[in-house]
Amino acid sequence: MECSKITKKGQVTIPLRFRQLLQIKAGEKVLFDVEGEKVVLKKAPKNPVTDLVGLGKGIFGTSLEYQRKMRSEWEGQ
């Protein structure tokens, strides 16, 4: 069993051993649940949509270049 101190802001440091077991890294979210008199800490599932944000960045160049290209193709018809 490990011990951690609560700060004035109610924050607790998760001991390294548990962060490694749950594969929790800085900036990731965790879930808390209560089971009887126990508080259970779980790694929050990743949102698959957030992994897609920015995936296509730069494919079409800048947005202005892409708009000009589309307009020129449209006007050429």
C-alpha atoms as a PDB file:
ATOM      1  CA  MET A   1       0.000   0.000   0.000  1.00  0.00           C
ATOM      2  CA  GLU A   2       1.261   3.486  -0.846  1.00  0.00           C
ATOM      3  CA  CYS A   3       0.497   6.874   0.665  1.00  0.00           C
ATOM      4  CA  SER A   4       0.081  10.312  -0.915  1.00  0.00           C
ATOM      5  CA  LYS A   5      -0.627  13.690   0.676  1.00  0.00           C
ATOM      6  CA  ILE A   6      -3.581  15.903  -0.328  1.00  0.00           C
ATOM      7  CA  THR A   7      -2.662  19.512  -1.176  1.00  0.00           C
ATOM      8  CA  LYS A   8      -4.646  22.610  -0.169  1.00  0.00           C
ATOM      9  CA  LYS A   9      -6.277  22.481  -3.614  1.00  0.00           C
ATOM     10  CA  GLY A  10      -7.424  18.896  -3.050  1.00  0.00           C
ATOM     11  CA  GLN A  11      -4.831  17.468  -5.440  1.00  0.00           C
ATOM     12  CA  VAL A  12      -3.114  14.127  -4.950  1.00  0.00           C
ATOM     13  CA  THR A  13      -0.032  12.759  -6.684  1.00  0.00           C
ATOM     14  CA  ILE A  14      -0.631   9.304  -8.118  1.00  0.00           C
ATOM     15  CA  PRO A  15       2.415   7.220  -7.201  1.00  0.00           C
ATOM     16  CA  LEU A  16       4.644   6.235 -10.124  1.00  0.00           C
ATOM     17  CA  ARG A  17       3.963   2.521  -9.705  1.00  0.00           C
ATOM     18  CA  PHE A  18       0.212   3.055 -10.264  1.00  0.00           C
ATOM     19  CA  ARG A  19       0.736   5.479 -13.163  1.00  0.00           C
ATOM     20  CA  GLN A  20       2.892   2.840 -14.816  1.00  0.00           C
ATOM     21  CA  LEU A  21       0.378   0.043 -14.150  1.00  0.00           C
ATOM     22  CA  LEU A  22      -2.464   2.071 -15.678  1.00  0.00           C
ATOM     23  CA  GLN A  23      -0.200   3.580 -18.360  1.00  0.00           C
ATOM     24  CA  ILE A  24      -1.296   7.101 -17.366  1.00  0.00           C
ATOM     25  CA  LYS A  25       0.714   9.993 -18.747  1.00  0.00           C
ATOM     26  CA  ALA A  26       0.647  13.723 -17.973  1.00  0.00           C
ATOM     27  CA  GLY A  27      -2.393  15.433 -19.484  1.00  0.00           C
ATOM     28  CA  GLU A  28      -4.490  12.262 -19.699  1.00  0.00           C
ATOM     29  CA  LYS A  29      -7.777  11.956 -17.831  1.00  0.00           C
ATOM     30  CA  VAL A  30      -8.729   9.516 -15.093  1.00  0.00           C
ATOM     31  CA  LEU A  31     -12.105   8.403 -13.756  1.00  0.00           C
ATOM     32  CA  PHE A  32     -13.082   8.137 -10.096  1.00  0.00           C
ATOM     33  CA  ASP A  33     -15.740   5.813  -8.719  1.00  0.00           C
ATOM     34  CA  VAL A  34     -16.848   4.823  -5.234  1.00  0.00           C
ATOM     35  CA  GLU A  35     -17.298   1.176  -4.285  1.00  0.00           C
ATOM     36  CA  GLY A  36     -18.428   0.955  -0.689  1.00  0.00           C
ATOM     37  CA  GLU A  37     -15.718   2.705   1.308  1.00  0.00           C
ATOM     38  CA  LYS A  38     -13.177   2.568  -1.537  1.00  0.00           C
ATOM     39  CA  VAL A  39     -12.385   5.124  -4.206  1.00  0.00           C
ATOM     40  CA  VAL A  40     -11.483   3.429  -7.477  1.00  0.00           C
ATOM     41  CA  LEU A  41      -9.230   5.176  -9.989  1.00  0.00           C
ATOM     42  CA  LYS A  42      -9.441   4.143 -13.646  1.00  0.00           C
ATOM     43  CA  LYS A  43      -7.780   5.387 -16.794  1.00  0.00           C
ATOM     44  CA  ALA A  44     -10.366   7.277 -18.867  1.00  0.00           C
ATOM     45  CA  PRO A  45     -10.935   5.828 -22.325  1.00  0.00           C
ATOM     46  CA  LYS A  46      -9.527   7.913 -25.139  1.00  0.00           C
ATOM     47  CA  ASN A  47     -11.985   9.689 -27.365  1.00  0.00           C
ATOM     48  CA  PRO A  48     -11.302   8.301 -30.874  1.00  0.00           C
ATOM     49  CA  VAL A  49     -12.612  11.504 -32.463  1.00  0.00           C
ATOM     50  CA  THR A  50      -9.939  13.650 -30.811  1.00  0.00           C
ATOM     51  CA  ASP A  51      -7.285  11.418 -32.368  1.00  0.00           C
ATOM     52  CA  LEU A  52      -8.586  12.441 -35.808  1.00  0.00           C
ATOM     53  CA  VAL A  53      -8.364  16.201 -35.229  1.00  0.00           C
ATOM     54  CA  GLY A  54      -5.753  17.720 -37.525  1.00  0.00           C
ATOM     55  CA  LEU A  55      -5.151  14.452 -39.360  1.00  0.00           C
ATOM     56  CA  GLY A  56      -5.556  16.004 -42.818  1.00  0.00           C
ATOM     57  CA  LYS A  57      -3.768  19.249 -42.020  1.00  0.00           C
ATOM     58  CA  GLY A  58      -1.685  20.452 -44.930  1.00  0.00           C
ATOM     59  CA  ILE A  59      -3.047  17.982 -47.488  1.00  0.00           C
ATOM     60  CA  PHE A  60      -4.527  20.760 -49.613  1.00  0.00           C
ATOM     61  CA  GLY A  61      -1.946  23.440 -48.759  1.00  0.00           C
ATOM     62  CA  THR A  62      -3.299  26.516 -47.034  1.00  0.00           C
ATOM     63  CA  SER A  63      -7.034  27.115 -47.048  1.00  0.00           C
ATOM     64  CA  LEU A  64      -6.576  30.238 -49.207  1.00  0.00           C
ATOM     65  CA  GLU A  65      -4.614  28.287 -51.835  1.00  0.00           C
ATOM     66  CA  TYR A  66      -7.276  25.591 -51.852  1.00  0.00           C
ATOM     67  CA  GLN A  67     -10.092  28.148 -52.220  1.00  0.00           C
ATOM     68  CA  ARG A  68      -8.329  29.835 -55.146  1.00  0.00           C
ATOM     69  CA  LYS A  69      -7.776  26.463 -56.835  1.00  0.00           C
ATOM     70  CA  MET A  70     -11.422  25.475 -56.423  1.00  0.00           C
ATOM     71  CA  ARG A  71     -12.631  28.869 -57.703  1.00  0.00           C
ATOM     72  CA  SER A  72     -10.365  28.729 -60.737  1.00  0.00           C
ATOM     73  CA  GLU A  73     -11.589  25.216 -61.584  1.00  0.00           C
ATOM     74  CA  TRP A  74     -15.197  26.355 -61.136  1.00  0.00           C
ATOM     75  CA  GLU A  75     -14.734  29.453 -63.304  1.00  0.00           C
ATOM     76  CA  GLY A  76     -12.945  27.410 -65.985  1.00  0.00           C
ATOM     77  CA  GLN A  77     -16.035  25.283 -66.672  1.00  0.00           C
END
